[in-house]
Amino acid sequence: MPRPVLYPLRTVDTAIVGYMQAPHLRRRVTIDHRPLAGITPAMLLNWFTHIGETMEYGGETIERYLAWHPLDHIRWELARPAPGGGAAEGARFRIVEKFGNRDEFAVDVIDRVEKLDETGIRLVQRVAGVIVFQLEHTWSAGSDGAHYVSVLDVGARSRLFTPVNYLLTRRFSDEMLRAWVKHNIEEVGQLAYLLPALQSGSYDASAFISA
């Protein structure tokens, strides 16, 4: 059953997006999001370390991951806990989603959490020990709210991995990359509503309309 979209979805033009072609068919996308008013780095860290929990959304108790993007998110699970337990550095996250809710842009991946602290989170995938996919979100406190930057690297840096990068380019096409950008801007924007709601227990969208 489709989930309601309680809060406005940010549009691509609310962020500064950069695309870069790197050697050996590697690609990088950088998204400098509009600041998240009322959000702190501690709130963001709490969100990611408790992403497997539930929250009230639209009159129901649902998984936080599903509330994060009601249209595109399908499933999140802790594929492997961190060495110290839970969703922390060293854990593995299973992420299932469809960018733009389109079947051709579906992903079902397991990412290793190589960083998770009050400065951000880094998710990676490796082949033979070499990073071939990396998504890093960094955040910092500002007078206008949390400053949030997302950087996606598709492909390995080594020339020897050019054939692997070619396959990744075919799987993660330019069109899919643009769909991911839109998806990422939308989900990051939702945090400006969801995190204050978790703290206050209020789920009135009008209370956060400036976000």
N, C-alpha and C. Protein backbone atom coordinates (compact mmCIF):
# COMPACT_ATOMS: atom_id res chain seq x y z
N MET A 1 0.85 -1.20 0.00
CA MET A 1 0.00 0.00 0.00
C MET A 1 0.88 1.24 0.00
N PRO A 2 0.64 2.21 -0.89
CA PRO A 2 1.47 3.42 -0.94
C PRO A 2 1.39 4.20 0.37
N ARG A 3 2.51 4.75 0.78
CA ARG A 3 2.54 5.56 2.00
C ARG A 3 2.30 7.02 1.65
N PRO A 4 1.66 7.77 2.54
CA PRO A 4 1.41 9.18 2.25
C PRO A 4 2.71 9.99 2.33
N VAL A 5 2.77 11.05 1.55
CA VAL A 5 3.88 11.99 1.62
C VAL A 5 3.40 13.16 2.47
N LEU A 6 3.78 13.18 3.74
CA LEU A 6 3.27 14.17 4.67
C LEU A 6 3.93 15.54 4.50
N TYR A 7 5.18 15.54 4.05
CA TYR A 7 5.94 16.78 4.01
C TYR A 7 6.40 17.08 2.59
N PRO A 8 6.56 18.36 2.26
CA PRO A 8 6.98 18.71 0.89
C PRO A 8 8.33 18.08 0.54
N LEU A 9 8.45 17.62 -0.70
CA LEU A 9 9.70 17.07 -1.20
C LEU A 9 10.52 18.18 -1.83
N ARG A 10 11.76 18.31 -1.42
CA ARG A 10 12.63 19.32 -2.03
C ARG A 10 12.86 19.02 -3.51
N THR A 11 13.02 20.06 -4.28
CA THR A 11 13.31 19.92 -5.71
C THR A 11 14.81 20.01 -5.94
N VAL A 12 15.24 19.54 -7.09
CA VAL A 12 16.68 19.50 -7.40
C VAL A 12 17.30 20.90 -7.35
N ASP A 13 16.54 21.92 -7.72
CA ASP A 13 17.11 23.26 -7.76
C ASP A 13 17.33 23.87 -6.38
N THR A 14 16.98 23.15 -5.31
CA THR A 14 17.26 23.65 -3.97
C THR A 14 18.70 23.33 -3.54
N ALA A 15 19.40 22.52 -4.32
CA ALA A 15 20.77 22.11 -3.98
C ALA A 15 21.73 22.51 -5.11
N ILE A 16 23.00 22.51 -4.78
CA ILE A 16 24.05 22.72 -5.79
C ILE A 16 24.63 21.35 -6.13
N VAL A 17 24.47 20.95 -7.38
CA VAL A 17 24.86 19.60 -7.82
C VAL A 17 26.01 19.69 -8.81
N GLY A 18 27.04 18.88 -8.59
CA GLY A 18 28.17 18.84 -9.50
C GLY A 18 28.45 17.42 -9.97
N TYR A 19 28.71 17.27 -11.28
CA TYR A 19 29.03 15.97 -11.87
C TYR A 19 30.47 16.02 -12.37
N MET A 20 31.25 14.98 -12.10
CA MET A 20 32.65 14.94 -12.52
C MET A 20 32.98 13.60 -13.14
N GLN A 21 33.61 13.63 -14.29
CA GLN A 21 34.15 12.42 -14.91
C GLN A 21 35.62 12.30 -14.53
N ALA A 22 36.00 11.18 -13.94
CA ALA A 22 37.36 10.97 -13.47
C ALA A 22 38.04 9.91 -14.34
N PRO A 23 39.37 9.76 -14.20
CA PRO A 23 40.07 8.74 -14.99
C PRO A 23 39.52 7.34 -14.77
N HIS A 24 39.68 6.49 -15.78
CA HIS A 24 39.32 5.07 -15.74
C HIS A 24 37.81 4.87 -15.58
N LEU A 25 37.02 5.79 -16.12
CA LEU A 25 35.56 5.72 -16.15
C LEU A 25 34.91 5.91 -14.78
N ARG A 26 35.69 6.40 -13.85
CA ARG A 26 35.12 6.68 -12.52
C ARG A 26 34.33 7.99 -12.57
N ARG A 27 33.23 8.03 -11.81
CA ARG A 27 32.38 9.22 -11.78
C ARG A 27 32.13 9.66 -10.34
N ARG A 28 31.96 10.97 -10.18
CA ARG A 28 31.66 11.53 -8.86
C ARG A 28 30.52 12.53 -8.99
N VAL A 29 29.60 12.46 -8.02
CA VAL A 29 28.51 13.42 -7.94
C VAL A 29 28.55 14.06 -6.55
N THR A 30 28.50 15.38 -6.52
CA THR A 30 28.52 16.12 -5.26
C THR A 30 27.22 16.92 -5.14
N ILE A 31 26.57 16.80 -4.00
CA ILE A 31 25.33 17.53 -3.74
C ILE A 31 25.52 18.37 -2.47
N ASP A 32 25.47 19.68 -2.62
CA ASP A 32 25.52 20.60 -1.48
C ASP A 32 24.08 21.01 -1.20
N HIS A 33 23.51 20.41 -0.17
CA HIS A 33 22.09 20.60 0.12
C HIS A 33 21.83 21.95 0.78
N ARG A 34 20.61 22.43 0.60
CA ARG A 34 20.19 23.60 1.35
C ARG A 34 20.22 23.24 2.84
N PRO A 35 20.70 24.13 3.70
CA PRO A 35 20.80 23.80 5.13
C PRO A 35 19.49 23.28 5.70
N LEU A 36 19.62 22.40 6.67
CA LEU A 36 18.47 21.79 7.35
C LEU A 36 18.17 22.61 8.61
N ALA A 37 17.19 23.48 8.51
CA ALA A 37 16.86 24.37 9.62
C ALA A 37 16.45 23.59 10.86
N GLY A 38 17.01 23.97 12.00
CA GLY A 38 16.65 23.34 13.26
C GLY A 38 17.29 22.00 13.53
N ILE A 39 18.17 21.55 12.63
CA ILE A 39 18.80 20.24 12.76
C ILE A 39 20.25 20.40 13.20
N THR A 40 20.71 19.52 14.09
CA THR A 40 22.08 19.53 14.58
C THR A 40 22.80 18.24 14.17
N PRO A 41 24.13 18.26 14.16
CA PRO A 41 24.87 17.02 13.87
C PRO A 41 24.51 15.88 14.81
N ALA A 42 24.25 16.19 16.08
CA ALA A 42 23.88 15.13 17.03
C ALA A 42 22.56 14.48 16.64
N MET A 43 21.61 15.27 16.14
CA MET A 43 20.33 14.72 15.70
C MET A 43 20.51 13.81 14.49
N LEU A 44 21.40 14.18 13.58
CA LEU A 44 21.66 13.36 12.40
C LEU A 44 22.33 12.05 12.78
N LEU A 45 23.29 12.12 13.69
CA LEU A 45 23.95 10.89 14.16
C LEU A 45 22.93 9.97 14.82
N ASN A 46 22.05 10.53 15.62
CA ASN A 46 21.03 9.73 16.29
C ASN A 46 20.11 9.06 15.27
N TRP A 47 19.78 9.78 14.20
CA TRP A 47 18.91 9.22 13.16
C TRP A 47 19.54 7.98 12.52
N PHE A 48 20.80 8.10 12.13
CA PHE A 48 21.44 6.98 11.43
C PHE A 48 21.75 5.80 12.35
N THR A 49 22.01 6.06 13.62
CA THR A 49 22.30 4.96 14.53
C THR A 49 21.02 4.27 15.02
N HIS A 50 19.86 4.89 14.75
CA HIS A 50 18.58 4.30 15.15
C HIS A 50 17.66 4.11 13.95
N ILE A 51 18.23 4.04 12.75
CA ILE A 51 17.44 3.97 11.53
C ILE A 51 16.58 2.70 11.47
N GLY A 52 16.95 1.69 12.22
CA GLY A 52 16.19 0.44 12.21
C GLY A 52 14.97 0.46 13.12
N GLU A 53 14.76 1.56 13.82
CA GLU A 53 13.62 1.64 14.74
C GLU A 53 12.38 2.16 14.01
N THR A 54 11.31 2.32 14.75
CA THR A 54 10.04 2.77 14.18
C THR A 54 9.71 4.19 14.65
N MET A 55 8.69 4.77 14.00
CA MET A 55 8.19 6.08 14.40
C MET A 55 6.73 6.20 13.98
N GLU A 56 6.05 7.17 14.56
CA GLU A 56 4.68 7.46 14.16
C GLU A 56 4.71 8.31 12.89
N TYR A 57 3.94 7.89 11.91
CA TYR A 57 3.93 8.60 10.63
C TYR A 57 2.57 8.38 9.97
N GLY A 58 1.88 9.48 9.73
CA GLY A 58 0.58 9.37 9.08
C GLY A 58 -0.43 8.55 9.86
N GLY A 59 -0.34 8.62 11.20
CA GLY A 59 -1.28 7.88 12.03
C GLY A 59 -0.95 6.42 12.22
N GLU A 60 0.23 6.00 11.73
CA GLU A 60 0.65 4.61 11.88
C GLU A 60 2.05 4.54 12.47
N THR A 61 2.39 3.40 13.02
CA THR A 61 3.76 3.14 13.45
C THR A 61 4.45 2.36 12.35
N ILE A 62 5.46 2.98 11.73
CA ILE A 62 6.17 2.33 10.62
C ILE A 62 7.67 2.44 10.83
N GLU A 63 8.41 1.70 10.03
CA GLU A 63 9.87 1.78 10.10
C GLU A 63 10.34 3.18 9.70
N ARG A 64 11.32 3.68 10.41
CA ARG A 64 11.83 5.02 10.11
C ARG A 64 12.34 5.12 8.67
N TYR A 65 12.93 4.07 8.19
CA TYR A 65 13.47 4.09 6.83
C TYR A 65 12.35 4.31 5.81
N LEU A 66 11.19 3.74 6.06
CA LEU A 66 10.07 3.89 5.14
C LEU A 66 9.49 5.30 5.21
N ALA A 67 9.50 5.91 6.39
CA ALA A 67 9.04 7.29 6.52
C ALA A 67 10.01 8.26 5.87
N TRP A 68 11.30 7.89 5.82
CA TRP A 68 12.34 8.78 5.32
C TRP A 68 12.09 9.16 3.85
N HIS A 69 11.68 8.20 3.03
CA HIS A 69 11.24 8.50 1.67
C HIS A 69 10.06 7.59 1.37
N PRO A 70 8.82 8.09 1.58
CA PRO A 70 7.64 7.24 1.47
C PRO A 70 7.43 6.62 0.09
N LEU A 71 7.98 7.24 -0.95
CA LEU A 71 7.75 6.76 -2.31
C LEU A 71 8.80 5.76 -2.78
N ASP A 72 10.05 5.98 -2.42
CA ASP A 72 11.17 5.22 -3.01
C ASP A 72 11.73 4.12 -2.12
N HIS A 73 11.62 4.28 -0.81
CA HIS A 73 12.24 3.31 0.09
C HIS A 73 11.39 2.05 0.24
N ILE A 74 12.06 0.90 0.19
CA ILE A 74 11.37 -0.38 0.27
C ILE A 74 11.76 -1.16 1.53
N ARG A 75 13.05 -1.24 1.81
CA ARG A 75 13.49 -2.04 2.96
C ARG A 75 14.88 -1.61 3.42
N TRP A 76 15.06 -1.60 4.72
CA TRP A 76 16.40 -1.44 5.32
C TRP A 76 16.53 -2.53 6.37
N GLU A 77 17.71 -3.13 6.43
CA GLU A 77 17.96 -4.08 7.51
C GLU A 77 19.42 -4.07 7.89
N LEU A 78 19.68 -4.43 9.12
CA LEU A 78 21.04 -4.52 9.62
C LEU A 78 21.57 -5.89 9.22
N ALA A 79 22.28 -5.93 8.08
CA ALA A 79 22.78 -7.20 7.57
C ALA A 79 23.83 -7.81 8.49
N ARG A 80 24.59 -6.93 9.13
CA ARG A 80 25.57 -7.39 10.13
C ARG A 80 25.77 -6.26 11.14
N PRO A 81 25.63 -6.53 12.42
CA PRO A 81 25.85 -5.48 13.41
C PRO A 81 27.30 -5.03 13.45
N ALA A 82 27.53 -3.85 13.97
CA ALA A 82 28.89 -3.37 14.20
C ALA A 82 29.57 -4.24 15.25
N PRO A 83 30.92 -4.22 15.30
CA PRO A 83 31.61 -5.03 16.31
C PRO A 83 31.11 -4.79 17.73
N GLY A 84 30.73 -3.55 18.01
CA GLY A 84 30.20 -3.24 19.33
C GLY A 84 28.70 -3.37 19.42
N GLY A 85 28.07 -3.81 18.31
CA GLY A 85 26.63 -3.98 18.27
C GLY A 85 25.92 -2.81 17.60
N GLY A 86 24.81 -3.10 16.97
CA GLY A 86 23.96 -2.08 16.41
C GLY A 86 24.44 -1.46 15.11
N ALA A 87 23.82 -0.34 14.77
CA ALA A 87 24.14 0.39 13.54
C ALA A 87 25.22 1.43 13.84
N ALA A 88 26.46 1.03 13.66
CA ALA A 88 27.60 1.88 13.95
C ALA A 88 28.72 1.52 12.98
N GLU A 89 29.88 2.14 13.17
CA GLU A 89 31.02 1.85 12.29
C GLU A 89 31.33 0.36 12.31
N GLY A 90 31.49 -0.20 11.12
CA GLY A 90 31.77 -1.62 10.99
C GLY A 90 30.54 -2.46 10.70
N ALA A 91 29.36 -1.87 10.81
CA ALA A 91 28.13 -2.59 10.49
C ALA A 91 27.95 -2.70 8.98
N ARG A 92 27.04 -3.53 8.57
CA ARG A 92 26.66 -3.63 7.16
C ARG A 92 25.16 -3.39 7.05
N PHE A 93 24.81 -2.43 6.18
CA PHE A 93 23.42 -2.08 5.97
C PHE A 93 22.93 -2.70 4.66
N ARG A 94 21.78 -3.36 4.69
CA ARG A 94 21.13 -3.75 3.45
C ARG A 94 20.10 -2.68 3.10
N ILE A 95 20.19 -2.16 1.87
CA ILE A 95 19.35 -1.06 1.42
C ILE A 95 18.62 -1.48 0.15
N VAL A 96 17.29 -1.40 0.18
CA VAL A 96 16.47 -1.73 -0.98
C VAL A 96 15.59 -0.52 -1.29
N GLU A 97 15.71 0.02 -2.51
CA GLU A 97 14.94 1.19 -2.88
C GLU A 97 14.86 1.30 -4.40
N LYS A 98 13.96 2.18 -4.86
CA LYS A 98 13.82 2.46 -6.28
C LYS A 98 13.85 3.97 -6.47
N PHE A 99 14.86 4.47 -7.16
CA PHE A 99 14.94 5.90 -7.39
C PHE A 99 13.80 6.33 -8.30
N GLY A 100 13.05 7.34 -7.85
CA GLY A 100 11.89 7.77 -8.62
C GLY A 100 10.79 6.73 -8.64
N ASN A 101 10.88 5.74 -7.75
CA ASN A 101 9.92 4.63 -7.70
C ASN A 101 9.81 3.93 -9.05
N ARG A 102 10.94 3.82 -9.76
CA ARG A 102 10.97 3.19 -11.08
C ARG A 102 11.71 1.86 -10.99
N ASP A 103 11.10 0.82 -11.55
CA ASP A 103 11.68 -0.52 -11.46
C ASP A 103 13.07 -0.59 -12.05
N GLU A 104 13.33 0.14 -13.14
CA GLU A 104 14.64 0.08 -13.79
C GLU A 104 15.73 0.75 -12.95
N PHE A 105 15.32 1.51 -11.93
CA PHE A 105 16.29 2.16 -11.05
C PHE A 105 16.27 1.55 -9.65
N ALA A 106 15.95 0.26 -9.58
CA ALA A 106 15.90 -0.44 -8.30
C ALA A 106 17.31 -0.87 -7.88
N VAL A 107 17.59 -0.78 -6.58
CA VAL A 107 18.85 -1.27 -6.02
C VAL A 107 18.56 -2.12 -4.80
N ASP A 108 19.37 -3.14 -4.63
CA ASP A 108 19.30 -4.01 -3.46
C ASP A 108 20.75 -4.33 -3.13
N VAL A 109 21.33 -3.57 -2.20
CA VAL A 109 22.77 -3.64 -1.94
C VAL A 109 23.06 -3.80 -0.46
N ILE A 110 24.26 -4.28 -0.19
CA ILE A 110 24.75 -4.32 1.19
C ILE A 110 26.00 -3.45 1.25
N ASP A 111 25.93 -2.40 2.04
CA ASP A 111 27.04 -1.46 2.19
C ASP A 111 27.68 -1.62 3.56
N ARG A 112 29.00 -1.47 3.58
CA ARG A 112 29.72 -1.46 4.85
C ARG A 112 29.80 -0.03 5.36
N VAL A 113 29.51 0.16 6.64
CA VAL A 113 29.60 1.48 7.27
C VAL A 113 31.04 1.68 7.74
N GLU A 114 31.80 2.47 7.02
CA GLU A 114 33.21 2.67 7.37
C GLU A 114 33.42 3.92 8.21
N LYS A 115 32.37 4.72 8.35
CA LYS A 115 32.43 5.89 9.23
C LYS A 115 31.02 6.23 9.66
N LEU A 116 30.84 6.55 10.94
CA LEU A 116 29.57 7.06 11.43
C LEU A 116 29.83 7.77 12.74
N ASP A 117 29.80 9.10 12.69
CA ASP A 117 30.01 9.91 13.87
C ASP A 117 29.30 11.25 13.68
N GLU A 118 29.57 12.23 14.53
CA GLU A 118 28.84 13.50 14.45
C GLU A 118 29.25 14.34 13.25
N THR A 119 30.20 13.86 12.46
CA THR A 119 30.58 14.61 11.25
C THR A 119 30.01 13.99 9.99
N GLY A 120 29.47 12.75 10.08
CA GLY A 120 28.88 12.16 8.89
C GLY A 120 28.92 10.65 8.87
N ILE A 121 28.52 10.11 7.72
CA ILE A 121 28.49 8.66 7.51
C ILE A 121 29.09 8.34 6.15
N ARG A 122 29.83 7.24 6.08
CA ARG A 122 30.41 6.78 4.81
C ARG A 122 30.05 5.32 4.60
N LEU A 123 29.45 5.03 3.44
CA LEU A 123 29.05 3.68 3.06
C LEU A 123 29.87 3.25 1.86
N VAL A 124 30.40 2.03 1.86
CA VAL A 124 31.24 1.58 0.76
C VAL A 124 30.89 0.16 0.34
N GLN A 125 31.23 -0.14 -0.91
CA GLN A 125 31.21 -1.50 -1.43
C GLN A 125 32.58 -1.77 -2.02
N ARG A 126 33.09 -2.98 -1.83
CA ARG A 126 34.43 -3.35 -2.28
C ARG A 126 34.38 -4.60 -3.16
N VAL A 127 35.34 -4.67 -4.08
CA VAL A 127 35.59 -5.86 -4.88
C VAL A 127 37.06 -6.22 -4.70
N ALA A 128 37.32 -7.42 -4.19
CA ALA A 128 38.70 -7.85 -3.92
C ALA A 128 39.43 -6.83 -3.03
N GLY A 129 38.70 -6.27 -2.10
CA GLY A 129 39.28 -5.33 -1.15
C GLY A 129 39.38 -3.90 -1.65
N VAL A 130 39.03 -3.66 -2.91
CA VAL A 130 39.15 -2.33 -3.50
C VAL A 130 37.77 -1.66 -3.52
N ILE A 131 37.72 -0.40 -3.08
CA ILE A 131 36.46 0.34 -3.08
C ILE A 131 36.02 0.62 -4.52
N VAL A 132 34.81 0.18 -4.86
CA VAL A 132 34.26 0.44 -6.20
C VAL A 132 33.03 1.34 -6.14
N PHE A 133 32.52 1.55 -4.92
CA PHE A 133 31.34 2.39 -4.75
C PHE A 133 31.44 3.00 -3.36
N GLN A 134 31.25 4.32 -3.29
CA GLN A 134 31.31 4.99 -1.99
C GLN A 134 30.32 6.14 -1.96
N LEU A 135 29.56 6.20 -0.89
CA LEU A 135 28.64 7.31 -0.65
C LEU A 135 28.96 7.89 0.72
N GLU A 136 29.31 9.16 0.72
CA GLU A 136 29.65 9.82 1.98
C GLU A 136 28.77 11.05 2.17
N HIS A 137 28.13 11.10 3.33
CA HIS A 137 27.38 12.28 3.74
C HIS A 137 28.16 12.95 4.87
N THR A 138 28.44 14.22 4.73
CA THR A 138 29.10 14.97 5.80
C THR A 138 28.19 16.10 6.23
N TRP A 139 28.22 16.40 7.51
CA TRP A 139 27.40 17.48 8.01
C TRP A 139 28.14 18.26 9.09
N SER A 140 27.71 19.51 9.27
CA SER A 140 28.30 20.38 10.27
C SER A 140 27.26 21.39 10.71
N ALA A 141 27.48 21.95 11.89
CA ALA A 141 26.54 22.92 12.45
C ALA A 141 26.75 24.29 11.82
N GLY A 142 25.65 25.00 11.58
CA GLY A 142 25.70 26.35 11.06
C GLY A 142 24.61 27.19 11.68
N SER A 143 24.70 28.49 11.54
CA SER A 143 23.71 29.38 12.14
C SER A 143 22.33 29.20 11.52
N ASP A 144 22.30 28.67 10.29
CA ASP A 144 21.03 28.46 9.59
C ASP A 144 20.60 27.00 9.59
N GLY A 145 21.24 26.20 10.43
CA GLY A 145 20.91 24.78 10.52
C GLY A 145 22.08 23.92 10.09
N ALA A 146 21.86 22.62 9.99
CA ALA A 146 22.93 21.70 9.61
C ALA A 146 23.27 21.84 8.13
N HIS A 147 24.55 21.98 7.84
CA HIS A 147 25.02 21.97 6.46
C HIS A 147 25.33 20.52 6.09
N TYR A 148 24.79 20.08 4.98
CA TYR A 148 24.80 18.66 4.63
C TYR A 148 25.29 18.52 3.19
N VAL A 149 26.34 17.73 2.99
CA VAL A 149 26.91 17.50 1.65
C VAL A 149 26.98 16.01 1.39
N SER A 150 26.50 15.58 0.23
CA SER A 150 26.56 14.18 -0.18
C SER A 150 27.52 14.03 -1.35
N VAL A 151 28.42 13.05 -1.27
CA VAL A 151 29.37 12.79 -2.36
C VAL A 151 29.30 11.31 -2.72
N LEU A 152 28.94 11.03 -3.98
CA LEU A 152 28.85 9.66 -4.47
C LEU A 152 29.99 9.40 -5.45
N ASP A 153 30.77 8.37 -5.20
CA ASP A 153 31.84 7.94 -6.11
C ASP A 153 31.48 6.57 -6.67
N VAL A 154 31.38 6.48 -7.98
CA VAL A 154 31.08 5.23 -8.66
C VAL A 154 32.31 4.82 -9.47
N GLY A 155 32.92 3.69 -9.09
CA GLY A 155 34.12 3.23 -9.78
C GLY A 155 35.35 3.28 -8.90
N ALA A 156 36.30 2.40 -9.21
CA ALA A 156 37.57 2.35 -8.48
C ALA A 156 38.58 3.31 -9.09
N ARG A 157 39.55 3.71 -8.30
CA ARG A 157 40.57 4.64 -8.76
C ARG A 157 41.65 3.95 -9.61
N SER A 158 41.83 2.66 -9.43
CA SER A 158 42.90 1.94 -10.12
C SER A 158 42.58 1.70 -11.59
N ARG A 159 43.58 1.88 -12.45
CA ARG A 159 43.42 1.61 -13.88
C ARG A 159 43.08 0.15 -14.12
N LEU A 160 43.57 -0.74 -13.27
CA LEU A 160 43.30 -2.16 -13.42
C LEU A 160 41.82 -2.49 -13.29
N PHE A 161 41.09 -1.61 -12.65
CA PHE A 161 39.66 -1.84 -12.44
C PHE A 161 38.79 -1.15 -13.48
N THR A 162 39.39 -0.69 -14.56
CA THR A 162 38.61 -0.04 -15.61
C THR A 162 37.48 -0.93 -16.13
N PRO A 163 37.71 -2.24 -16.36
CA PRO A 163 36.59 -3.10 -16.80
C PRO A 163 35.45 -3.15 -15.78
N VAL A 164 35.79 -3.16 -14.50
CA VAL A 164 34.76 -3.15 -13.45
C VAL A 164 34.00 -1.82 -13.50
N ASN A 165 34.74 -0.73 -13.69
CA ASN A 165 34.10 0.58 -13.78
C ASN A 165 33.17 0.67 -14.98
N TYR A 166 33.55 0.01 -16.06
CA TYR A 166 32.70 0.00 -17.26
C TYR A 166 31.36 -0.68 -16.95
N LEU A 167 31.43 -1.80 -16.24
CA LEU A 167 30.20 -2.51 -15.88
C LEU A 167 29.34 -1.68 -14.94
N LEU A 168 29.99 -0.97 -14.02
CA LEU A 168 29.26 -0.11 -13.11
C LEU A 168 28.58 1.03 -13.86
N THR A 169 29.25 1.54 -14.88
CA THR A 169 28.68 2.62 -15.68
C THR A 169 27.44 2.15 -16.42
N ARG A 170 27.48 0.92 -16.91
CA ARG A 170 26.31 0.36 -17.60
C ARG A 170 25.16 0.12 -16.62
N ARG A 171 25.49 -0.34 -15.42
CA ARG A 171 24.45 -0.59 -14.42
C ARG A 171 23.91 0.72 -13.86
N PHE A 172 24.81 1.65 -13.60
CA PHE A 172 24.44 2.93 -12.98
C PHE A 172 24.57 4.00 -14.05
N SER A 173 23.62 4.03 -14.97
CA SER A 173 23.67 4.93 -16.12
C SER A 173 23.54 6.40 -15.70
N ASP A 174 23.79 7.30 -16.66
CA ASP A 174 23.64 8.73 -16.38
C ASP A 174 22.21 9.06 -15.96
N GLU A 175 21.24 8.40 -16.60
CA GLU A 175 19.84 8.65 -16.25
C GLU A 175 19.56 8.19 -14.82
N MET A 176 20.10 7.03 -14.46
CA MET A 176 19.91 6.53 -13.10
C MET A 176 20.62 7.43 -12.10
N LEU A 177 21.77 7.96 -12.49
CA LEU A 177 22.52 8.86 -11.62
C LEU A 177 21.70 10.12 -11.33
N ARG A 178 21.06 10.66 -12.35
CA ARG A 178 20.22 11.84 -12.15
C ARG A 178 19.00 11.51 -11.28
N ALA A 179 18.46 10.30 -11.44
CA ALA A 179 17.34 9.89 -10.60
C ALA A 179 17.78 9.76 -9.15
N TRP A 180 19.01 9.26 -8.94
CA TRP A 180 19.53 9.18 -7.58
C TRP A 180 19.71 10.56 -6.98
N VAL A 181 20.18 11.52 -7.76
CA VAL A 181 20.35 12.89 -7.26
C VAL A 181 19.02 13.44 -6.75
N LYS A 182 17.99 13.30 -7.55
CA LYS A 182 16.66 13.77 -7.15
C LYS A 182 16.20 13.06 -5.88
N HIS A 183 16.39 11.75 -5.84
CA HIS A 183 16.02 10.95 -4.67
C HIS A 183 16.76 11.43 -3.43
N ASN A 184 18.06 11.65 -3.55
CA ASN A 184 18.87 12.04 -2.41
C ASN A 184 18.47 13.42 -1.88
N ILE A 185 18.21 14.35 -2.78
CA ILE A 185 17.79 15.68 -2.36
C ILE A 185 16.45 15.61 -1.64
N GLU A 186 15.57 14.77 -2.12
CA GLU A 186 14.26 14.61 -1.48
C GLU A 186 14.39 14.01 -0.09
N GLU A 187 15.18 12.94 0.05
CA GLU A 187 15.25 12.27 1.34
C GLU A 187 16.01 13.11 2.36
N VAL A 188 17.06 13.81 1.95
CA VAL A 188 17.76 14.67 2.90
C VAL A 188 16.82 15.78 3.38
N GLY A 189 16.04 16.34 2.47
CA GLY A 189 15.09 17.38 2.86
C GLY A 189 14.06 16.91 3.87
N GLN A 190 13.68 15.63 3.80
CA GLN A 190 12.69 15.10 4.73
C GLN A 190 13.21 15.09 6.18
N LEU A 191 14.52 15.05 6.34
CA LEU A 191 15.08 15.03 7.69
C LEU A 191 14.75 16.30 8.46
N ALA A 192 14.54 17.41 7.75
CA ALA A 192 14.18 18.67 8.41
C ALA A 192 12.82 18.58 9.07
N TYR A 193 11.98 17.64 8.65
CA TYR A 193 10.67 17.44 9.24
C TYR A 193 10.68 16.27 10.23
N LEU A 194 11.31 15.17 9.85
CA LEU A 194 11.23 13.95 10.64
C LEU A 194 11.97 14.06 11.97
N LEU A 195 13.14 14.68 11.97
CA LEU A 195 13.93 14.73 13.19
C LEU A 195 13.29 15.60 14.27
N PRO A 196 12.80 16.81 13.95
CA PRO A 196 12.08 17.58 14.98
C PRO A 196 10.82 16.85 15.45
N ALA A 197 10.15 16.16 14.55
CA ALA A 197 8.95 15.42 14.93
C ALA A 197 9.27 14.33 15.94
N LEU A 198 10.40 13.65 15.74
CA LEU A 198 10.81 12.61 16.69
C LEU A 198 11.07 13.20 18.07
N GLN A 199 11.66 14.39 18.11
CA GLN A 199 11.99 14.99 19.39
C GLN A 199 10.77 15.54 20.11
N SER A 200 9.85 16.13 19.33
CA SER A 200 8.72 16.80 19.94
C SER A 200 7.49 15.93 20.07
N GLY A 201 7.44 14.86 19.26
CA GLY A 201 6.24 14.04 19.23
C GLY A 201 5.13 14.65 18.39
N SER A 202 5.46 15.76 17.68
CA SER A 202 4.47 16.44 16.84
C SER A 202 4.68 16.04 15.40
N TYR A 203 3.59 15.80 14.68
CA TYR A 203 3.68 15.39 13.29
C TYR A 203 2.85 16.31 12.39
N ASP A 204 2.75 17.58 12.80
CA ASP A 204 2.02 18.58 12.03
C ASP A 204 2.96 19.18 11.00
N ALA A 205 2.74 18.89 9.71
CA ALA A 205 3.64 19.35 8.66
C ALA A 205 3.73 20.86 8.64
N SER A 206 2.67 21.57 8.97
CA SER A 206 2.70 23.03 8.88
C SER A 206 3.68 23.64 9.87
N ALA A 207 3.99 22.89 10.92
CA ALA A 207 4.93 23.41 11.92
C ALA A 207 6.33 23.51 11.38
N PHE A 208 6.63 22.78 10.30
CA PHE A 208 7.99 22.72 9.77
C PHE A 208 8.04 23.19 8.31
N ILE A 209 7.05 23.95 7.88
CA ILE A 209 6.92 24.24 6.46
C ILE A 209 8.07 25.04 5.89
N SER A 210 8.83 25.75 6.74
CA SER A 210 9.95 26.56 6.24
C SER A 210 11.15 25.74 5.88
N ALA A 211 11.15 24.44 6.24
CA ALA A 211 12.32 23.60 5.99
C ALA A 211 12.52 23.36 4.52
